[in-house]
Amino acid sequence: MEPPFALLEQVKTLLLQKKLSSLSPYEEAREDSEAAWKKFCLAHTGEVRGQVLDLLDRRDGVWSIQRDAAFCLGLQLGMELGRLERFWETDG
């Protein structure tokens, strides 16, 4: 059986993909990025492209760790807030 956080990470990934696929600004940014990459590839050698891809992979790795840490922190905070009785009290 998968540990709970691993399952939540999988659900997060699926929900994020579903959400992004419905956002037109995301789709526009993705298409723009791909067009810019094609233009870059036409203007630069394979060696330069390899260096750029290596740099982008490293930056993406950092971003991925930050995103996962933010998700886990948000989940932890949500669970903690859910335990606070005063958080759910209503006036009247």
PDB file of N, CA and C in Angstrom:
ATOM      1  N   MET A   1       0.842  -1.186   0.000  1.00  0.00           N
ATOM      2  CA  MET A   1       0.000   0.000   0.000  1.00  0.00           C
ATOM      3  C   MET A   1       0.882   1.242   0.000  1.00  0.00           C
ATOM      4  N   GLU A   2       0.459   2.214  -0.774  1.00  0.00           N
ATOM      5  CA  GLU A   2       1.210   3.469  -0.888  1.00  0.00           C
ATOM      6  C   GLU A   2       1.070   4.290   0.401  1.00  0.00           C
ATOM      7  N   PRO A   3       2.139   4.965   0.801  1.00  0.00           N
ATOM      8  CA  PRO A   3       2.007   5.885   1.942  1.00  0.00           C
ATOM      9  C   PRO A   3       1.054   7.026   1.577  1.00  0.00           C
ATOM     10  N   PRO A   4       0.319   7.554   2.559  1.00  0.00           N
ATOM     11  CA  PRO A   4      -0.685   8.597   2.267  1.00  0.00           C
ATOM     12  C   PRO A   4      -0.148   9.790   1.491  1.00  0.00           C
ATOM     13  N   PHE A   5       1.054  10.277   1.829  1.00  0.00           N
ATOM     14  CA  PHE A   5       1.569  11.453   1.123  1.00  0.00           C
ATOM     15  C   PHE A   5       1.873  11.129  -0.335  1.00  0.00           C
ATOM     16  N   ALA A   6       2.323   9.905  -0.617  1.00  0.00           N
ATOM     17  CA  ALA A   6       2.592   9.527  -2.003  1.00  0.00           C
ATOM     18  C   ALA A   6       1.290   9.517  -2.805  1.00  0.00           C
ATOM     19  N   LEU A   7       0.226   9.018  -2.208  1.00  0.00           N
ATOM     20  CA  LEU A   7      -1.076   9.027  -2.886  1.00  0.00           C
ATOM     21  C   LEU A   7      -1.564  10.455  -3.114  1.00  0.00           C
ATOM     22  N   LEU A   8      -1.382  11.311  -2.115  1.00  0.00           N
ATOM     23  CA  LEU A   8      -1.796  12.708  -2.261  1.00  0.00           C
ATOM     24  C   LEU A   8      -0.983  13.411  -3.345  1.00  0.00           C
ATOM     25  N   GLU A   9       0.289  13.086  -3.455  1.00  0.00           N
ATOM     26  CA  GLU A   9       1.119  13.655  -4.519  1.00  0.00           C
ATOM     27  C   GLU A   9       0.598  13.242  -5.888  1.00  0.00           C
ATOM     28  N   GLN A  10       0.184  11.990  -6.025  1.00  0.00           N
ATOM     29  CA  GLN A  10      -0.363  11.516  -7.295  1.00  0.00           C
ATOM     30  C   GLN A  10      -1.664  12.232  -7.626  1.00  0.00           C
ATOM     31  N   VAL A  11      -2.531  12.389  -6.626  1.00  0.00           N
ATOM     32  CA  VAL A  11      -3.793  13.097  -6.829  1.00  0.00           C
ATOM     33  C   VAL A  11      -3.520  14.542  -7.207  1.00  0.00           C
ATOM     34  N   LYS A  12      -2.556  15.169  -6.524  1.00  0.00           N
ATOM     35  CA  LYS A  12      -2.196  16.556  -6.832  1.00  0.00           C
ATOM     36  C   LYS A  12      -1.769  16.691  -8.288  1.00  0.00           C
ATOM     37  N   THR A  13      -0.941  15.777  -8.746  1.00  0.00           N
ATOM     38  CA  THR A  13      -0.446  15.833 -10.114  1.00  0.00           C
ATOM     39  C   THR A  13      -1.594  15.709 -11.119  1.00  0.00           C
ATOM     40  N   LEU A  14      -2.483  14.770 -10.881  1.00  0.00           N
ATOM     41  CA  LEU A  14      -3.626  14.584 -11.784  1.00  0.00           C
ATOM     42  C   LEU A  14      -4.556  15.794 -11.777  1.00  0.00           C
ATOM     43  N   LEU A  15      -4.847  16.320 -10.585  1.00  0.00           N
ATOM     44  CA  LEU A  15      -5.737  17.486 -10.496  1.00  0.00           C
ATOM     45  C   LEU A  15      -5.096  18.719 -11.132  1.00  0.00           C
ATOM     46  N   LEU A  16      -3.789  18.862 -10.961  1.00  0.00           N
ATOM     47  CA  LEU A  16      -3.088  20.001 -11.563  1.00  0.00           C
ATOM     48  C   LEU A  16      -3.144  19.916 -13.079  1.00  0.00           C
ATOM     49  N   GLN A  17      -2.899  18.729 -13.635  1.00  0.00           N
ATOM     50  CA  GLN A  17      -2.967  18.562 -15.088  1.00  0.00           C
ATOM     51  C   GLN A  17      -4.370  18.870 -15.604  1.00  0.00           C
ATOM     52  N   LYS A  18      -5.382  18.416 -14.879  1.00  0.00           N
ATOM     53  CA  LYS A  18      -6.767  18.674 -15.288  1.00  0.00           C
ATOM     54  C   LYS A  18      -7.065  20.172 -15.251  1.00  0.00           C
ATOM     55  N   LYS A  19      -6.633  20.830 -14.187  1.00  0.00           N
ATOM     56  CA  LYS A  19      -6.872  22.270 -14.043  1.00  0.00           C
ATOM     57  C   LYS A  19      -6.150  23.054 -15.138  1.00  0.00           C
ATOM     58  N   LEU A  20      -4.881  22.730 -15.373  1.00  0.00           N
ATOM     59  CA  LEU A  20      -4.109  23.453 -16.382  1.00  0.00           C
ATOM     60  C   LEU A  20      -4.698  23.287 -17.775  1.00  0.00           C
ATOM     61  N   SER A  21      -5.221  22.103 -18.065  1.00  0.00           N
ATOM     62  CA  SER A  21      -5.776  21.868 -19.399  1.00  0.00           C
ATOM     63  C   SER A  21      -7.008  22.712 -19.673  1.00  0.00           C
ATOM     64  N   SER A  22      -7.623  23.250 -18.621  1.00  0.00           N
ATOM     65  CA  SER A  22      -8.817  24.083 -18.813  1.00  0.00           C
ATOM     66  C   SER A  22      -8.510  25.582 -18.765  1.00  0.00           C
ATOM     67  N   LEU A  23      -7.268  25.945 -18.573  1.00  0.00           N
ATOM     68  CA  LEU A  23      -6.892  27.361 -18.476  1.00  0.00           C
ATOM     69  C   LEU A  23      -6.328  27.845 -19.809  1.00  0.00           C
ATOM     70  N   SER A  24      -7.048  28.734 -20.464  1.00  0.00           N
ATOM     71  CA  SER A  24      -6.561  29.234 -21.749  1.00  0.00           C
ATOM     72  C   SER A  24      -5.247  30.022 -21.624  1.00  0.00           C
ATOM     73  N   PRO A  25      -5.021  30.812 -20.552  1.00  0.00           N
ATOM     74  CA  PRO A  25      -3.718  31.489 -20.446  1.00  0.00           C
ATOM     75  C   PRO A  25      -2.555  30.495 -20.383  1.00  0.00           C
ATOM     76  N   TYR A  26      -2.773  29.346 -19.741  1.00  0.00           N
ATOM     77  CA  TYR A  26      -1.730  28.329 -19.679  1.00  0.00           C
ATOM     78  C   TYR A  26      -1.453  27.777 -21.071  1.00  0.00           C
ATOM     79  N   GLU A  27      -2.503  27.463 -21.791  1.00  0.00           N
ATOM     80  CA  GLU A  27      -2.345  26.909 -23.140  1.00  0.00           C
ATOM     81  C   GLU A  27      -1.637  27.906 -24.049  1.00  0.00           C
ATOM     82  N   GLU A  28      -1.996  29.178 -23.945  1.00  0.00           N
ATOM     83  CA  GLU A  28      -1.344  30.215 -24.745  1.00  0.00           C
ATOM     84  C   GLU A  28       0.141  30.328 -24.385  1.00  0.00           C
ATOM     85  N   ALA A  29       0.451  30.294 -23.088  1.00  0.00           N
ATOM     86  CA  ALA A  29       1.845  30.387 -22.647  1.00  0.00           C
ATOM     87  C   ALA A  29       2.636  29.176 -23.108  1.00  0.00           C
ATOM     88  N   ARG A  30       2.030  27.993 -23.055  1.00  0.00           N
ATOM     89  CA  ARG A  30       2.703  26.779 -23.500  1.00  0.00           C
ATOM     90  C   ARG A  30       3.011  26.845 -24.996  1.00  0.00           C
ATOM     91  N   GLU A  31       2.039  27.276 -25.792  1.00  0.00           N
ATOM     92  CA  GLU A  31       2.248  27.400 -27.243  1.00  0.00           C
ATOM     93  C   GLU A  31       3.312  28.441 -27.559  1.00  0.00           C
ATOM     94  N   ASP A  32       3.288  29.564 -26.842  1.00  0.00           N
ATOM     95  CA  ASP A  32       4.288  30.616 -27.028  1.00  0.00           C
ATOM     96  C   ASP A  32       5.686  30.098 -26.688  1.00  0.00           C
ATOM     97  N   SER A  33       5.772  29.337 -25.597  1.00  0.00           N
ATOM     98  CA  SER A  33       7.048  28.764 -25.185  1.00  0.00           C
ATOM     99  C   SER A  33       7.582  27.804 -26.242  1.00  0.00           C
ATOM    100  N   GLU A  34       6.724  26.973 -26.786  1.00  0.00           N
ATOM    101  CA  GLU A  34       7.168  26.024 -27.811  1.00  0.00           C
ATOM    102  C   GLU A  34       7.609  26.738 -29.087  1.00  0.00           C
ATOM    103  N   ALA A  35       6.923  27.798 -29.461  1.00  0.00           N
ATOM    104  CA  ALA A  35       7.314  28.570 -30.640  1.00  0.00           C
ATOM    105  C   ALA A  35       8.673  29.236 -30.415  1.00  0.00           C
ATOM    106  N   ALA A  36       8.881  29.778 -29.220  1.00  0.00           N
ATOM    107  CA  ALA A  36      10.161  30.419 -28.900  1.00  0.00           C
ATOM    108  C   ALA A  36      11.288  29.383 -28.905  1.00  0.00           C
ATOM    109  N   TRP A  37      10.994  28.172 -28.416  1.00  0.00           N
ATOM    110  CA  TRP A  37      12.022  27.125 -28.404  1.00  0.00           C
ATOM    111  C   TRP A  37      12.399  26.726 -29.830  1.00  0.00           C
ATOM    112  N   LYS A  38      11.411  26.597 -30.704  1.00  0.00           N
ATOM    113  CA  LYS A  38      11.695  26.256 -32.102  1.00  0.00           C
ATOM    114  C   LYS A  38      12.559  27.332 -32.756  1.00  0.00           C
ATOM    115  N   LYS A  39      12.246  28.586 -32.499  1.00  0.00           N
ATOM    116  CA  LYS A  39      13.023  29.699 -33.042  1.00  0.00           C
ATOM    117  C   LYS A  39      14.461  29.654 -32.509  1.00  0.00           C
ATOM    118  N   PHE A  40      14.604  29.368 -31.218  1.00  0.00           N
ATOM    119  CA  PHE A  40      15.922  29.261 -30.599  1.00  0.00           C
ATOM    120  C   PHE A  40      16.727  28.127 -31.235  1.00  0.00           C
ATOM    121  N   CYS A  41      16.071  26.984 -31.449  1.00  0.00           N
ATOM    122  CA  CYS A  41      16.756  25.824 -32.043  1.00  0.00           C
ATOM    123  C   CYS A  41      17.263  26.122 -33.446  1.00  0.00           C
ATOM    124  N   LEU A  42      16.516  26.896 -34.214  1.00  0.00           N
ATOM    125  CA  LEU A  42      16.952  27.247 -35.563  1.00  0.00           C
ATOM    126  C   LEU A  42      18.170  28.160 -35.553  1.00  0.00           C
ATOM    127  N   ALA A  43      18.324  28.933 -34.485  1.00  0.00           N
ATOM    128  CA  ALA A  43      19.402  29.927 -34.430  1.00  0.00           C
ATOM    129  C   ALA A  43      20.655  29.443 -33.701  1.00  0.00           C
ATOM    130  N   HIS A  44      20.595  28.292 -33.005  1.00  0.00           N
ATOM    131  CA  HIS A  44      21.741  27.874 -32.194  1.00  0.00           C
ATOM    132  C   HIS A  44      22.115  26.422 -32.465  1.00  0.00           C
ATOM    133  N   THR A  45      23.389  26.116 -32.201  1.00  0.00           N
ATOM    134  CA  THR A  45      23.908  24.771 -32.434  1.00  0.00           C
ATOM    135  C   THR A  45      23.389  23.777 -31.401  1.00  0.00           C
ATOM    136  N   GLY A  46      23.598  22.511 -31.709  1.00  0.00           N
ATOM    137  CA  GLY A  46      23.195  21.450 -30.789  1.00  0.00           C
ATOM    138  C   GLY A  46      23.886  21.536 -29.441  1.00  0.00           C
ATOM    139  N   GLU A  47      25.164  21.955 -29.435  1.00  0.00           N
ATOM    140  CA  GLU A  47      25.894  22.073 -28.174  1.00  0.00           C
ATOM    141  C   GLU A  47      25.274  23.143 -27.275  1.00  0.00           C
ATOM    142  N   VAL A  48      24.947  24.283 -27.838  1.00  0.00           N
ATOM    143  CA  VAL A  48      24.325  25.358 -27.064  1.00  0.00           C
ATOM    144  C   VAL A  48      22.947  24.903 -26.562  1.00  0.00           C
ATOM    145  N   ARG A  49      22.185  24.232 -27.427  1.00  0.00           N
ATOM    146  CA  ARG A  49      20.859  23.737 -27.014  1.00  0.00           C
ATOM    147  C   ARG A  49      21.000  22.753 -25.853  1.00  0.00           C
ATOM    148  N   GLY A  50      22.006  21.903 -25.907  1.00  0.00           N
ATOM    149  CA  GLY A  50      22.233  20.951 -24.818  1.00  0.00           C
ATOM    150  C   GLY A  50      22.537  21.653 -23.505  1.00  0.00           C
ATOM    151  N   GLN A  51      23.365  22.706 -23.575  1.00  0.00           N
ATOM    152  CA  GLN A  51      23.697  23.465 -22.370  1.00  0.00           C
ATOM    153  C   GLN A  51      22.455  24.152 -21.815  1.00  0.00           C
ATOM    154  N   VAL A  52      21.658  24.712 -22.702  1.00  0.00           N
ATOM    155  CA  VAL A  52      20.431  25.386 -22.262  1.00  0.00           C
ATOM    156  C   VAL A  52      19.477  24.381 -21.628  1.00  0.00           C
ATOM    157  N   LEU A  53      19.324  23.213 -22.249  1.00  0.00           N
ATOM    158  CA  LEU A  53      18.439  22.191 -21.689  1.00  0.00           C
ATOM    159  C   LEU A  53      18.924  21.730 -20.319  1.00  0.00           C
ATOM    160  N   ASP A  54      20.243  21.582 -20.160  1.00  0.00           N
ATOM    161  CA  ASP A  54      20.798  21.200 -18.859  1.00  0.00           C
ATOM    162  C   ASP A  54      20.467  22.256 -17.808  1.00  0.00           C
ATOM    163  N   LEU A  55      20.657  23.527 -18.170  1.00  0.00           N
ATOM    164  CA  LEU A  55      20.335  24.619 -17.256  1.00  0.00           C
ATOM    165  C   LEU A  55      18.850  24.617 -16.900  1.00  0.00           C
ATOM    166  N   LEU A  56      17.994  24.449 -17.903  1.00  0.00           N
ATOM    167  CA  LEU A  56      16.554  24.421 -17.644  1.00  0.00           C
ATOM    168  C   LEU A  56      16.150  23.229 -16.783  1.00  0.00           C
ATOM    169  N   ASP A  57      16.772  22.077 -17.002  1.00  0.00           N
ATOM    170  CA  ASP A  57      16.491  20.900 -16.170  1.00  0.00           C
ATOM    171  C   ASP A  57      16.846  21.167 -14.710  1.00  0.00           C
ATOM    172  N   ARG A  58      17.976  21.814 -14.487  1.00  0.00           N
ATOM    173  CA  ARG A  58      18.384  22.129 -13.113  1.00  0.00           C
ATOM    174  C   ARG A  58      17.405  23.104 -12.469  1.00  0.00           C
ATOM    175  N   ARG A  59      16.994  24.123 -13.225  1.00  0.00           N
ATOM    176  CA  ARG A  59      16.051  25.105 -12.690  1.00  0.00           C
ATOM    177  C   ARG A  59      14.691  24.443 -12.442  1.00  0.00           C
ATOM    178  N   ASP A  60      14.283  23.559 -13.339  1.00  0.00           N
ATOM    179  CA  ASP A  60      13.020  22.860 -13.169  1.00  0.00           C
ATOM    180  C   ASP A  60      13.066  21.956 -11.942  1.00  0.00           C
ATOM    181  N   GLY A  61      14.214  21.349 -11.681  1.00  0.00           N
ATOM    182  CA  GLY A  61      14.355  20.510 -10.493  1.00  0.00           C
ATOM    183  C   GLY A  61      14.147  21.300  -9.217  1.00  0.00           C
ATOM    184  N   VAL A  62      14.713  22.497  -9.170  1.00  0.00           N
ATOM    185  CA  VAL A  62      14.525  23.371  -8.002  1.00  0.00           C
ATOM    186  C   VAL A  62      13.053  23.760  -7.882  1.00  0.00           C
ATOM    187  N   TRP A  63      12.446  24.145  -9.001  1.00  0.00           N
ATOM    188  CA  TRP A  63      11.036  24.545  -8.989  1.00  0.00           C
ATOM    189  C   TRP A  63      10.150  23.382  -8.538  1.00  0.00           C
ATOM    190  N   SER A  64      10.454  22.189  -8.978  1.00  0.00           N
ATOM    191  CA  SER A  64       9.671  21.018  -8.615  1.00  0.00           C
ATOM    192  C   SER A  64       9.729  20.765  -7.106  1.00  0.00           C
ATOM    193  N   ILE A  65      10.912  20.891  -6.535  1.00  0.00           N
ATOM    194  CA  ILE A  65      11.053  20.714  -5.086  1.00  0.00           C
ATOM    195  C   ILE A  65      10.281  21.796  -4.343  1.00  0.00           C
ATOM    196  N   GLN A  66      10.363  23.047  -4.811  1.00  0.00           N
ATOM    197  CA  GLN A  66       9.624  24.139  -4.176  1.00  0.00           C
ATOM    198  C   GLN A  66       8.116  23.898  -4.254  1.00  0.00           C
ATOM    199  N   ARG A  67       7.640  23.483  -5.412  1.00  0.00           N
ATOM    200  CA  ARG A  67       6.208  23.242  -5.599  1.00  0.00           C
ATOM    201  C   ARG A  67       5.723  22.115  -4.695  1.00  0.00           C
ATOM    202  N   ASP A  68       6.483  21.028  -4.615  1.00  0.00           N
ATOM    203  CA  ASP A  68       6.092  19.906  -3.765  1.00  0.00           C
ATOM    204  C   ASP A  68       6.120  20.293  -2.287  1.00  0.00           C
ATOM    205  N   ALA A  69       7.123  21.071  -1.896  1.00  0.00           N
ATOM    206  CA  ALA A  69       7.195  21.517  -0.501  1.00  0.00           C
ATOM    207  C   ALA A  69       6.022  22.433  -0.166  1.00  0.00           C
ATOM    208  N   ALA A  70       5.656  23.315  -1.096  1.00  0.00           N
ATOM    209  CA  ALA A  70       4.514  24.207  -0.866  1.00  0.00           C
ATOM    210  C   ALA A  70       3.219  23.407  -0.754  1.00  0.00           C
ATOM    211  N   PHE A  71       3.058  22.397  -1.593  1.00  0.00           N
ATOM    212  CA  PHE A  71       1.870  21.546  -1.520  1.00  0.00           C
ATOM    213  C   PHE A  71       1.798  20.839  -0.170  1.00  0.00           C
ATOM    214  N   CYS A  72       2.904  20.250   0.255  1.00  0.00           N
ATOM    215  CA  CYS A  72       2.912  19.528   1.533  1.00  0.00           C
ATOM    216  C   CYS A  72       2.672  20.470   2.706  1.00  0.00           C
ATOM    217  N   LEU A  73       3.255  21.656   2.656  1.00  0.00           N
ATOM    218  CA  LEU A  73       3.023  22.634   3.717  1.00  0.00           C
ATOM    219  C   LEU A  73       1.562  23.059   3.749  1.00  0.00           C
ATOM    220  N   GLY A  74       0.978  23.319   2.576  1.00  0.00           N
ATOM    221  CA  GLY A  74      -0.436  23.689   2.522  1.00  0.00           C
ATOM    222  C   GLY A  74      -1.321  22.576   3.048  1.00  0.00           C
ATOM    223  N   LEU A  75      -0.994  21.347   2.717  1.00  0.00           N
ATOM    224  CA  LEU A  75      -1.759  20.207   3.207  1.00  0.00           C
ATOM    225  C   LEU A  75      -1.641  20.098   4.722  1.00  0.00           C
ATOM    226  N   GLN A  76      -0.432  20.247   5.217  1.00  0.00           N
ATOM    227  CA  GLN A  76      -0.216  20.171   6.664  1.00  0.00           C
ATOM    228  C   GLN A  76      -0.973  21.288   7.383  1.00  0.00           C
ATOM    229  N   LEU A  77      -0.903  22.506   6.848  1.00  0.00           N
ATOM    230  CA  LEU A  77      -1.626  23.623   7.465  1.00  0.00           C
ATOM    231  C   LEU A  77      -3.131  23.380   7.432  1.00  0.00           C
ATOM    232  N   GLY A  78      -3.629  22.854   6.315  1.00  0.00           N
ATOM    233  CA  GLY A  78      -5.055  22.553   6.220  1.00  0.00           C
ATOM    234  C   GLY A  78      -5.487  21.526   7.236  1.00  0.00           C
ATOM    235  N   MET A  79      -4.668  20.515   7.442  1.00  0.00           N
ATOM    236  CA  MET A  79      -5.007  19.491   8.432  1.00  0.00           C
ATOM    237  C   MET A  79      -4.983  20.080   9.836  1.00  0.00           C
ATOM    238  N   GLU A  80      -4.007  20.933  10.113  1.00  0.00           N
ATOM    239  CA  GLU A  80      -3.930  21.568  11.428  1.00  0.00           C
ATOM    240  C   GLU A  80      -5.132  22.487  11.663  1.00  0.00           C
ATOM    241  N   LEU A  81      -5.488  23.289  10.671  1.00  0.00           N
ATOM    242  CA  LEU A  81      -6.636  24.189  10.824  1.00  0.00           C
ATOM    243  C   LEU A  81      -7.937  23.404  10.984  1.00  0.00           C
ATOM    244  N   GLY A  82      -8.027  22.259  10.344  1.00  0.00           N
ATOM    245  CA  GLY A  82      -9.221  21.430  10.461  1.00  0.00           C
ATOM    246  C   GLY A  82      -9.435  20.898  11.859  1.00  0.00           C
ATOM    247  N   ARG A  83      -8.391  20.852  12.661  1.00  0.00           N
ATOM    248  CA  ARG A  83      -8.498  20.372  14.041  1.00  0.00           C
ATOM    249  C   ARG A  83      -8.881  21.476  15.014  1.00  0.00           C
ATOM    250  N   LEU A  84      -8.838  22.713  14.613  1.00  0.00           N
ATOM    251  CA  LEU A  84      -9.138  23.828  15.511  1.00  0.00           C
ATOM    252  C   LEU A  84     -10.646  24.012  15.630  1.00  0.00           C
ATOM    253  N   GLU A  85     -11.155  23.784  16.812  1.00  0.00           N
ATOM    254  CA  GLU A  85     -12.596  23.930  17.003  1.00  0.00           C
ATOM    255  C   GLU A  85     -13.036  25.369  16.788  1.00  0.00           C
ATOM    256  N   ARG A  86     -12.256  26.330  17.267  1.00  0.00           N
ATOM    257  CA  ARG A  86     -12.627  27.736  17.110  1.00  0.00           C
ATOM    258  C   ARG A  86     -12.681  28.166  15.661  1.00  0.00           C
ATOM    259  N   PHE A  87     -11.922  27.499  14.804  1.00  0.00           N
ATOM    260  CA  PHE A  87     -11.908  27.834  13.385  1.00  0.00           C
ATOM    261  C   PHE A  87     -13.276  27.593  12.769  1.00  0.00           C
ATOM    262  N   TRP A  88     -13.998  26.605  13.258  1.00  0.00           N
ATOM    263  CA  TRP A  88     -15.280  26.234  12.674  1.00  0.00           C
ATOM    264  C   TRP A  88     -16.475  26.823  13.412  1.00  0.00           C
ATOM    265  N   GLU A  89     -16.239  27.526  14.523  1.00  0.00           N
ATOM    266  CA  GLU A  89     -17.348  28.138  15.264  1.00  0.00           C
ATOM    267  C   GLU A  89     -17.977  29.244  14.428  1.00  0.00           C
ATOM    268  N   THR A  90     -19.291  29.385  14.555  1.00  0.00           N
ATOM    269  CA  THR A  90     -19.992  30.457  13.856  1.00  0.00           C
ATOM    270  C   THR A  90     -20.673  31.350  14.854  1.00  0.00           C
ATOM    271  N   ASP A  91     -20.824  32.605  14.480  1.00  0.00           N
ATOM    272  CA  ASP A  91     -21.530  33.550  15.350  1.00  0.00           C
ATOM    273  C   ASP A  91     -23.019  33.401  15.116  1.00  0.00           C
ATOM    274  N   GLY A  92     -23.773  33.342  16.179  1.00  0.00           N
ATOM    275  CA  GLY A  92     -25.227  33.354  16.057  1.00  0.00           C
ATOM    276  C   GLY A  92     -25.785  32.032  15.909  1.00  0.00           C
TER     277      GLY A  92
END
